[in-house]
Amino acid sequence: MKKIMTGSAVLLISASPIIAGGIERAPQSLAVLFEEGNYAELSFGGVDPTVEGKDAAPAAIGGPFNTGDVAQGYGFVGLAYKHQFNDNLSAAFIMEQPFGADILYPVAPAGSPVLGGTRVEVNSTTFTALARYKFENNFSIHGGIRASRADGGVTLDGAGYSRIAPPYDLAIDDEWGVGYVIGAAYEIPEIAGRVSLTYNSPIDHDFDMTETGDVILGATGGLTDTISGRYTVKTPRSWTLEGQTGIAQDTLVFGSIRWVKWSEFIVDNGVFPIATLTGGTVPLVEVEDTTTYTIGVGRKFTENWSGSVSFLYEAREGDTVSPLAPTNGRKGVTLAAIYTMDNIKITTGINYTKLGGSDLGIGETGNKTKVATMDDNHAWGVGVRIGYSF
């Protein structure tokens, strides 16, 4: 029973990274710590999102116009190794890609004159090294350090950003940041029961950024300048509560609650003020905090085959979101098949997520100008995880 649940929980990482709150793509689970003995795994997969709608261009100029599909597909890969030193002490190393974004608004006529040419790209990889100590009463503590490497870029273009020519560009160079992980767990081996709580600290990245934009606010005649500087961007802190328990022979349930403080993830332009057609400066990225709930059931069918189904829910936060993060809330389902043979476990899954639509707004907080509405949003994801115990 314990092995079934472990495979099911691991799939939540391997097959369900999609487009979560903010720019999150994976939930930073530490499930590998709870594998038996020494264990190594490789995970990989891909996601194909669709996010589209109509802009807020007036009928007098032929609007509203279709935005086109603005979300680009992406792949992901992860590695993990867990070593059991003795009955009480173990350690793990995890490489993953928890944060990322690739949004591109097609230019007119295929896309929108209000947002066409606007783009955001974020790439990140994290490396986590942590240890776990298990006490004799089935209580354990775990903790370690997490190093994150990230880079990206932003282009603001289109009439919504008062950009006829030239666009605003922000290039963000590669930079490292370091944070920590700490948590605790309690297990009941007789029923494959476990509950764990983990805190991920925020991580500061002191990026070298290069801005190219208008010297004069709202200038459209090509009067530009390029300025470099060093700015701090913080990836958000989070709490994750995970649990599992057997409910019958060869059957168990599992779930999680994850809260992320996205309100501390702020990316602002360093020098050049960005304005809308109606005035007001614009933060480049402004995201609401999110809480994500997952629940599922796993079942062993034969000595080699087991499977799981899980459901995910993330509520909408706020009425208007940034064009650089154009979805709001999500509902998803993941189906998994797990094949076990000797020391090898292969987990394969498929996920469908309905991404919440929302109005997109530009401008000052509390006084945003609506520039588009996204209402046809979903994503398909597939993932494979290969684990080896020794």
Protein backbone atom coordinates (compact mmCIF):
# COMPACT_ATOMS: atom_id res chain seq x y z
CA MET A 1 0.00 0.00 0.00
CA LYS A 2 2.81 2.39 0.83
CA LYS A 3 4.45 1.95 -2.58
CA ILE A 4 1.20 2.70 -4.39
CA MET A 5 0.79 5.99 -2.63
CA THR A 6 4.36 7.02 -3.21
CA GLY A 7 3.98 6.53 -6.94
CA SER A 8 0.71 8.42 -7.03
CA ALA A 9 2.07 11.37 -5.10
CA VAL A 10 5.16 11.56 -7.27
CA LEU A 11 2.96 11.83 -10.37
CA LEU A 12 1.51 15.04 -9.06
CA ILE A 13 4.91 16.55 -9.77
CA SER A 14 5.68 14.76 -13.02
CA ALA A 15 2.45 15.20 -14.96
CA SER A 16 0.62 18.19 -13.59
CA PRO A 17 2.95 21.20 -13.93
CA ILE A 18 0.91 23.55 -16.11
CA ILE A 19 0.28 27.25 -15.60
CA ALA A 20 -0.41 27.84 -11.94
CA GLY A 21 -0.71 31.01 -9.91
CA GLY A 22 1.85 33.65 -10.85
CA ILE A 23 4.56 31.96 -12.92
CA GLU A 24 4.59 28.64 -11.06
CA ARG A 25 4.95 25.44 -13.09
CA ALA A 26 5.74 22.83 -10.39
CA PRO A 27 4.77 22.59 -6.70
CA GLN A 28 8.31 22.00 -5.28
CA SER A 29 7.28 18.75 -3.58
CA LEU A 30 9.80 16.83 -1.44
CA ALA A 31 8.15 13.42 -1.98
CA VAL A 32 11.50 11.86 -2.92
CA LEU A 33 12.56 12.16 0.73
CA PHE A 34 9.95 9.56 1.70
CA GLU A 35 11.01 6.88 -0.79
CA GLU A 36 12.40 3.70 0.80
CA GLY A 37 16.17 3.08 0.79
CA ASN A 38 18.43 4.68 -1.79
CA TYR A 39 16.51 6.08 -4.74
CA ALA A 40 17.15 7.98 -7.98
CA GLU A 41 14.69 9.35 -10.52
CA LEU A 42 14.39 11.20 -13.80
CA SER A 43 11.26 13.08 -14.86
CA PHE A 44 10.38 14.83 -18.09
CA GLY A 45 7.37 15.94 -20.10
CA GLY A 46 5.66 18.75 -21.93
CA VAL A 47 2.73 21.14 -21.70
CA ASP A 48 0.58 22.61 -24.48
CA PRO A 49 -1.47 25.58 -23.18
CA THR A 50 -4.06 27.65 -25.04
CA VAL A 51 -4.88 31.16 -23.78
CA GLU A 52 -6.82 33.50 -26.06
CA GLY A 53 -9.62 36.05 -26.11
CA LYS A 54 -10.50 39.49 -27.45
CA ASP A 55 -9.03 42.91 -26.83
CA ALA A 56 -10.94 46.02 -25.77
CA ALA A 57 -10.46 47.98 -29.00
CA PRO A 58 -13.60 50.06 -29.78
CA ALA A 59 -15.95 49.16 -32.61
CA ALA A 60 -15.13 52.49 -34.26
CA ILE A 61 -11.76 51.09 -35.34
CA GLY A 62 -13.06 47.59 -36.07
CA GLY A 63 -12.63 46.09 -32.60
CA PRO A 64 -12.69 44.04 -30.57
CA PHE A 65 -9.87 42.04 -32.19
CA ASN A 66 -8.85 38.46 -31.42
CA THR A 67 -5.68 38.25 -29.36
CA GLY A 68 -4.63 34.93 -30.86
CA ASP A 69 -3.14 32.19 -28.69
CA VAL A 70 -0.65 33.97 -26.40
CA ALA A 71 0.66 31.03 -24.32
CA GLN A 72 3.64 29.13 -25.69
CA GLY A 73 4.19 25.42 -25.07
CA TYR A 74 7.10 24.24 -22.97
CA GLY A 75 8.95 21.15 -21.77
CA PHE A 76 10.33 20.31 -18.35
CA VAL A 77 12.90 17.99 -16.86
CA GLY A 78 13.84 17.05 -13.30
CA LEU A 79 16.37 14.91 -11.44
CA ALA A 80 16.43 13.68 -7.86
CA TYR A 81 18.60 11.44 -5.71
CA LYS A 82 17.90 10.27 -2.17
CA HIS A 83 20.45 8.47 0.03
CA GLN A 84 19.59 6.54 3.20
CA PHE A 85 22.54 6.71 5.60
CA ASN A 86 20.89 4.71 8.39
CA ASP A 87 17.45 4.03 9.85
CA ASN A 88 17.12 7.63 11.01
CA LEU A 89 19.13 9.86 8.67
CA SER A 90 18.66 10.44 4.95
CA ALA A 91 19.44 13.20 2.47
CA ALA A 92 18.32 14.21 -1.01
CA PHE A 93 19.35 16.38 -3.93
CA ILE A 94 16.65 17.71 -6.27
CA MET A 95 16.91 19.61 -9.54
CA GLU A 96 13.67 21.07 -10.95
CA GLN A 97 12.15 23.97 -12.89
CA PRO A 98 9.43 25.37 -10.62
CA PHE A 99 9.02 28.83 -12.18
CA GLY A 100 8.71 29.91 -15.78
CA ALA A 101 6.68 31.92 -18.27
CA ASP A 102 6.48 32.27 -22.04
CA ILE A 103 3.72 34.64 -23.14
CA LEU A 104 3.70 36.26 -26.59
CA TYR A 105 0.89 38.38 -28.06
CA PRO A 106 0.83 38.06 -31.87
CA VAL A 107 0.95 41.36 -33.74
CA ALA A 108 -1.93 42.52 -35.94
CA PRO A 109 -3.54 41.37 -38.18
CA ALA A 110 -3.07 37.88 -36.67
CA GLY A 111 -3.29 39.35 -33.19
CA SER A 112 -4.30 42.47 -31.32
CA PRO A 113 -3.16 46.06 -32.02
CA VAL A 114 -3.78 46.76 -28.32
CA LEU A 115 -1.24 44.20 -27.02
CA GLY A 116 0.47 42.80 -30.13
CA GLY A 117 4.21 42.42 -29.65
CA THR A 118 4.03 42.24 -25.85
CA ARG A 119 6.03 39.36 -24.44
CA VAL A 120 7.37 37.95 -21.18
CA GLU A 121 9.87 35.11 -20.86
CA VAL A 122 11.13 33.67 -17.57
CA ASN A 123 13.43 30.66 -17.17
CA SER A 124 14.50 29.18 -13.85
CA THR A 125 16.18 26.10 -12.43
CA THR A 126 16.49 25.28 -8.74
CA PHE A 127 18.84 22.95 -6.91
CA THR A 128 17.81 21.76 -3.45
CA ALA A 129 20.02 19.89 -0.98
CA LEU A 130 18.33 18.75 2.20
CA ALA A 131 18.43 16.19 4.98
CA ARG A 132 15.75 14.35 6.95
CA TYR A 133 16.02 12.94 10.46
CA LYS A 134 13.39 10.43 11.62
CA PHE A 135 12.82 9.96 15.34
CA GLU A 136 11.73 6.69 16.93
CA ASN A 137 8.14 7.95 17.40
CA ASN A 138 7.58 8.27 13.58
CA PHE A 139 7.98 12.04 13.75
CA SER A 140 10.62 13.54 11.43
CA ILE A 141 12.09 16.90 10.52
CA HIS A 142 13.64 17.96 7.23
CA GLY A 143 15.44 21.02 5.95
CA GLY A 144 18.15 22.34 3.70
CA ILE A 145 19.17 25.01 1.21
CA ARG A 146 17.80 25.86 -2.21
CA ALA A 147 19.77 27.69 -4.90
CA SER A 148 17.86 29.20 -7.81
CA ARG A 149 19.16 30.39 -11.16
CA ALA A 150 16.88 32.58 -13.28
CA ASP A 151 16.81 34.92 -16.28
CA GLY A 152 14.18 36.49 -18.49
CA GLY A 153 12.91 39.46 -20.41
CA VAL A 154 9.88 41.66 -20.94
CA THR A 155 8.67 43.55 -24.02
CA LEU A 156 5.71 45.93 -23.76
CA ASP A 157 4.14 46.86 -27.08
CA GLY A 158 0.83 47.86 -28.59
CA ALA A 159 -1.60 50.73 -28.07
CA GLY A 160 -2.52 49.48 -24.57
CA TYR A 161 0.96 50.39 -23.38
CA SER A 162 1.00 53.65 -25.39
CA ARG A 163 3.54 52.00 -27.70
CA ILE A 164 3.38 52.81 -31.37
CA ALA A 165 7.18 52.90 -31.70
CA PRO A 166 9.44 51.87 -30.14
CA PRO A 167 8.47 49.09 -27.68
CA TYR A 168 9.77 48.98 -24.11
CA ASP A 169 12.32 46.19 -23.54
CA LEU A 170 13.74 44.82 -20.29
CA ALA A 171 16.50 42.20 -20.48
CA ILE A 172 17.23 40.28 -17.26
CA ASP A 173 20.61 38.55 -17.06
CA ASP A 174 21.31 35.17 -15.43
CA GLU A 175 21.58 35.40 -11.67
CA TRP A 176 21.66 33.09 -8.65
CA GLY A 177 19.77 33.39 -5.39
CA VAL A 178 19.77 31.25 -2.25
CA GLY A 179 17.00 30.37 0.21
CA TYR A 180 16.09 27.58 2.59
CA VAL A 181 13.55 24.80 3.13
CA ILE A 182 12.31 23.51 6.48
CA GLY A 183 9.51 21.18 7.53
CA ALA A 184 8.25 18.25 9.57
CA ALA A 185 6.27 15.05 9.00
CA TYR A 186 4.45 12.36 10.94
CA GLU A 187 3.90 8.81 9.63
CA ILE A 188 1.70 5.82 10.50
CA PRO A 189 3.32 2.97 8.54
CA GLU A 190 0.54 0.45 9.31
CA ILE A 191 -1.94 2.38 7.13
CA ALA A 192 0.55 4.08 4.78
CA GLY A 193 -0.35 7.30 6.56
CA ARG A 194 1.71 10.45 6.40
CA VAL A 195 1.22 14.18 6.86
CA SER A 196 3.96 16.74 6.19
CA LEU A 197 4.27 20.51 6.33
CA THR A 198 7.03 22.32 4.42
CA TYR A 199 8.02 25.98 4.27
CA ASN A 200 9.97 27.37 1.31
CA SER A 201 11.63 30.71 2.01
CA PRO A 202 11.61 33.59 -0.48
CA ILE A 203 14.73 33.91 -2.62
CA ASP A 204 16.21 37.27 -3.62
CA HIS A 205 17.78 37.55 -7.06
CA ASP A 206 19.92 40.66 -7.61
CA PHE A 207 19.58 40.87 -11.37
CA ASP A 208 21.57 42.96 -13.82
CA MET A 209 18.85 44.47 -16.02
CA THR A 210 19.05 46.48 -19.22
CA GLU A 211 16.13 48.74 -20.12
CA THR A 212 15.39 50.30 -23.47
CA GLY A 213 12.51 52.78 -23.52
CA ASP A 214 11.25 56.29 -24.14
CA VAL A 215 13.24 59.12 -22.67
CA ILE A 216 10.04 61.17 -22.54
CA LEU A 217 6.87 59.58 -21.14
CA GLY A 218 4.61 58.55 -23.99
CA ALA A 219 7.13 59.49 -26.69
CA THR A 220 6.39 57.71 -29.96
CA GLY A 221 8.90 59.22 -32.32
CA GLY A 222 11.77 56.89 -31.62
CA LEU A 223 13.42 58.99 -28.88
CA THR A 224 14.90 56.18 -26.80
CA ASP A 225 17.73 55.41 -24.46
CA THR A 226 19.27 52.29 -22.93
CA ILE A 227 20.12 52.16 -19.23
CA SER A 228 21.56 49.30 -17.17
CA GLY A 229 21.13 48.76 -13.46
CA ARG A 230 20.91 46.18 -10.72
CA TYR A 231 17.49 45.39 -9.27
CA THR A 232 16.23 42.84 -6.76
CA VAL A 233 13.38 40.44 -7.61
CA LYS A 234 12.05 38.07 -4.97
CA THR A 235 10.57 34.66 -5.79
CA PRO A 236 7.79 34.07 -3.25
CA ARG A 237 7.65 32.10 -0.02
CA SER A 238 5.22 29.18 0.24
CA TRP A 239 3.70 26.66 2.64
CA THR A 240 2.77 23.15 1.47
CA LEU A 241 0.69 20.70 3.53
CA GLU A 242 0.65 17.16 2.07
CA GLY A 243 -1.08 14.03 3.37
CA GLN A 244 -1.97 10.45 2.52
CA THR A 245 -3.64 7.44 4.16
CA GLY A 246 -4.82 3.97 3.26
CA ILE A 247 -8.60 3.57 3.32
CA ALA A 248 -8.89 -0.09 2.22
CA GLN A 249 -6.70 -2.96 1.05
CA ASP A 250 -4.62 -1.65 -1.90
CA THR A 251 -6.47 1.71 -1.89
CA LEU A 252 -5.48 5.07 -0.46
CA VAL A 253 -6.28 8.77 -0.70
CA PHE A 254 -3.85 11.68 -0.89
CA GLY A 255 -4.00 15.44 -1.09
CA SER A 256 -2.28 18.74 -0.54
CA ILE A 257 -2.86 22.42 0.21
CA ARG A 258 -0.32 24.90 -1.11
CA TRP A 259 -0.23 28.63 -0.36
CA VAL A 260 2.12 30.97 -2.26
CA LYS A 261 2.67 34.62 -1.35
CA TRP A 262 2.82 35.95 -4.91
CA SER A 263 2.19 39.51 -3.71
CA GLU A 264 5.91 39.72 -2.79
CA PHE A 265 6.94 38.77 -6.34
CA ILE A 266 7.21 42.26 -7.86
CA VAL A 267 9.00 43.16 -11.06
CA ASP A 268 9.00 46.90 -11.75
CA ASN A 269 10.69 48.99 -14.38
CA GLY A 270 13.83 50.55 -13.01
CA VAL A 271 14.09 53.92 -14.79
CA PHE A 272 11.58 54.50 -17.55
CA PRO A 273 7.95 55.15 -16.52
CA ILE A 274 5.44 53.04 -18.45
CA ALA A 275 2.07 54.62 -19.17
CA THR A 276 -1.32 53.58 -20.49
CA LEU A 277 -3.34 55.59 -22.98
CA THR A 278 -5.33 56.95 -20.02
CA GLY A 279 -2.23 57.75 -17.93
CA GLY A 280 -0.84 56.16 -14.79
CA THR A 281 2.35 54.21 -14.27
CA VAL A 282 2.41 50.44 -14.64
CA PRO A 283 4.16 47.80 -12.51
CA LEU A 284 5.55 45.21 -14.92
CA VAL A 285 4.34 42.23 -12.86
CA GLU A 286 1.74 42.31 -10.08
CA VAL A 287 0.23 39.02 -8.89
CA GLU A 288 -2.22 37.99 -6.15
CA ASP A 289 -1.48 35.31 -3.51
CA THR A 290 -2.80 31.83 -4.39
CA THR A 291 -4.01 28.73 -2.55
CA THR A 292 -4.11 25.44 -4.47
CA TYR A 293 -5.96 22.29 -3.33
CA THR A 294 -5.33 18.76 -4.61
CA ILE A 295 -7.11 15.50 -3.72
CA GLY A 296 -6.81 12.05 -5.28
CA VAL A 297 -7.10 8.30 -4.87
CA GLY A 298 -4.58 5.56 -5.75
CA ARG A 299 -5.34 1.88 -6.35
CA LYS A 300 -3.19 -1.23 -6.87
CA PHE A 301 -4.65 -3.49 -9.57
CA THR A 302 -1.97 -6.19 -9.93
CA GLU A 303 1.49 -6.87 -8.58
CA ASN A 304 2.93 -4.68 -11.33
CA TRP A 305 0.22 -2.14 -12.15
CA SER A 306 -1.39 0.60 -10.11
CA GLY A 307 -3.01 3.91 -10.97
CA SER A 308 -4.39 7.12 -9.61
CA VAL A 309 -6.74 9.98 -10.36
CA SER A 310 -6.40 13.40 -8.75
CA PHE A 311 -8.24 16.69 -8.93
CA LEU A 312 -6.83 20.18 -8.50
CA TYR A 313 -8.55 23.47 -7.68
CA GLU A 314 -7.16 26.99 -7.45
CA ALA A 315 -9.60 29.85 -6.83
CA ARG A 316 -9.67 33.08 -8.81
CA GLU A 317 -7.91 35.97 -7.08
CA GLY A 318 -9.07 39.49 -7.92
CA ASP A 319 -11.07 40.71 -10.91
CA THR A 320 -8.32 41.99 -13.20
CA VAL A 321 -4.91 40.48 -13.94
CA SER A 322 -1.79 41.55 -15.82
CA PRO A 323 -1.40 40.81 -19.55
CA LEU A 324 1.92 39.21 -18.55
CA ALA A 325 0.07 36.60 -16.41
CA PRO A 326 -3.22 36.31 -18.31
CA THR A 327 -5.00 33.49 -16.43
CA ASN A 328 -6.81 33.52 -13.10
CA GLY A 329 -7.56 30.31 -11.20
CA ARG A 330 -7.65 26.75 -12.52
CA LYS A 331 -9.34 23.35 -12.25
CA GLY A 332 -7.56 20.18 -13.35
CA VAL A 333 -7.60 16.40 -13.42
CA THR A 334 -4.61 14.05 -13.67
CA LEU A 335 -4.75 10.36 -14.62
CA ALA A 336 -1.73 8.19 -13.86
CA ALA A 337 -0.54 4.67 -14.58
CA ILE A 338 2.32 3.24 -12.51
CA TYR A 339 4.29 0.16 -13.58
CA THR A 340 6.60 -1.49 -11.06
CA MET A 341 9.10 -4.23 -11.92
CA ASP A 342 11.82 -5.30 -9.47
CA ASN A 343 13.58 -2.07 -8.48
CA ILE A 344 12.21 0.10 -11.30
CA LYS A 345 9.06 2.22 -11.14
CA ILE A 346 7.72 4.03 -14.22
CA THR A 347 4.97 6.59 -13.71
CA THR A 348 3.17 8.04 -16.72
CA GLY A 349 0.35 10.54 -16.59
CA ILE A 350 -1.80 12.96 -18.52
CA ASN A 351 -3.31 16.16 -17.19
CA TYR A 352 -6.07 18.45 -18.41
CA THR A 353 -6.46 21.85 -16.77
CA LYS A 354 -9.16 24.44 -17.36
CA LEU A 355 -7.44 27.78 -16.85
CA GLY A 356 -9.64 30.56 -15.51
CA GLY A 357 -10.40 33.46 -17.84
CA SER A 358 -10.19 37.05 -16.70
CA ASP A 359 -10.12 40.69 -17.71
CA LEU A 360 -6.64 42.02 -18.43
CA GLY A 361 -5.82 45.46 -17.14
CA ILE A 362 -2.97 47.98 -17.34
CA GLY A 363 -2.41 50.90 -15.00
CA GLU A 364 -2.20 51.82 -11.37
CA THR A 365 -3.43 49.36 -8.75
CA GLY A 366 -7.14 49.95 -8.17
CA ASN A 367 -7.44 52.02 -11.35
CA LYS A 368 -6.56 49.67 -14.15
CA THR A 369 -7.65 50.17 -17.75
CA LYS A 370 -9.22 47.07 -19.30
CA VAL A 371 -7.34 46.08 -22.43
CA ALA A 372 -8.61 42.54 -23.14
CA THR A 373 -10.67 39.60 -21.89
CA MET A 374 -9.29 36.05 -22.03
CA ASP A 375 -12.05 33.44 -22.01
CA ASP A 376 -10.84 30.31 -23.84
CA ASN A 377 -8.06 28.94 -21.66
CA HIS A 378 -6.93 25.37 -21.07
CA ALA A 379 -3.81 23.20 -21.11
CA TRP A 380 -2.81 19.59 -21.73
CA GLY A 381 0.24 18.11 -20.06
CA VAL A 382 2.00 14.73 -20.16
CA GLY A 383 4.77 13.53 -17.90
CA VAL A 384 6.97 10.49 -17.30
CA ARG A 385 8.92 9.69 -14.16
CA ILE A 386 11.41 6.82 -13.97
CA GLY A 387 12.52 5.78 -10.49
CA TYR A 388 15.16 3.25 -9.43
CA SER A 389 15.55 1.89 -5.89
CA PHE A 390 18.79 0.29 -4.71
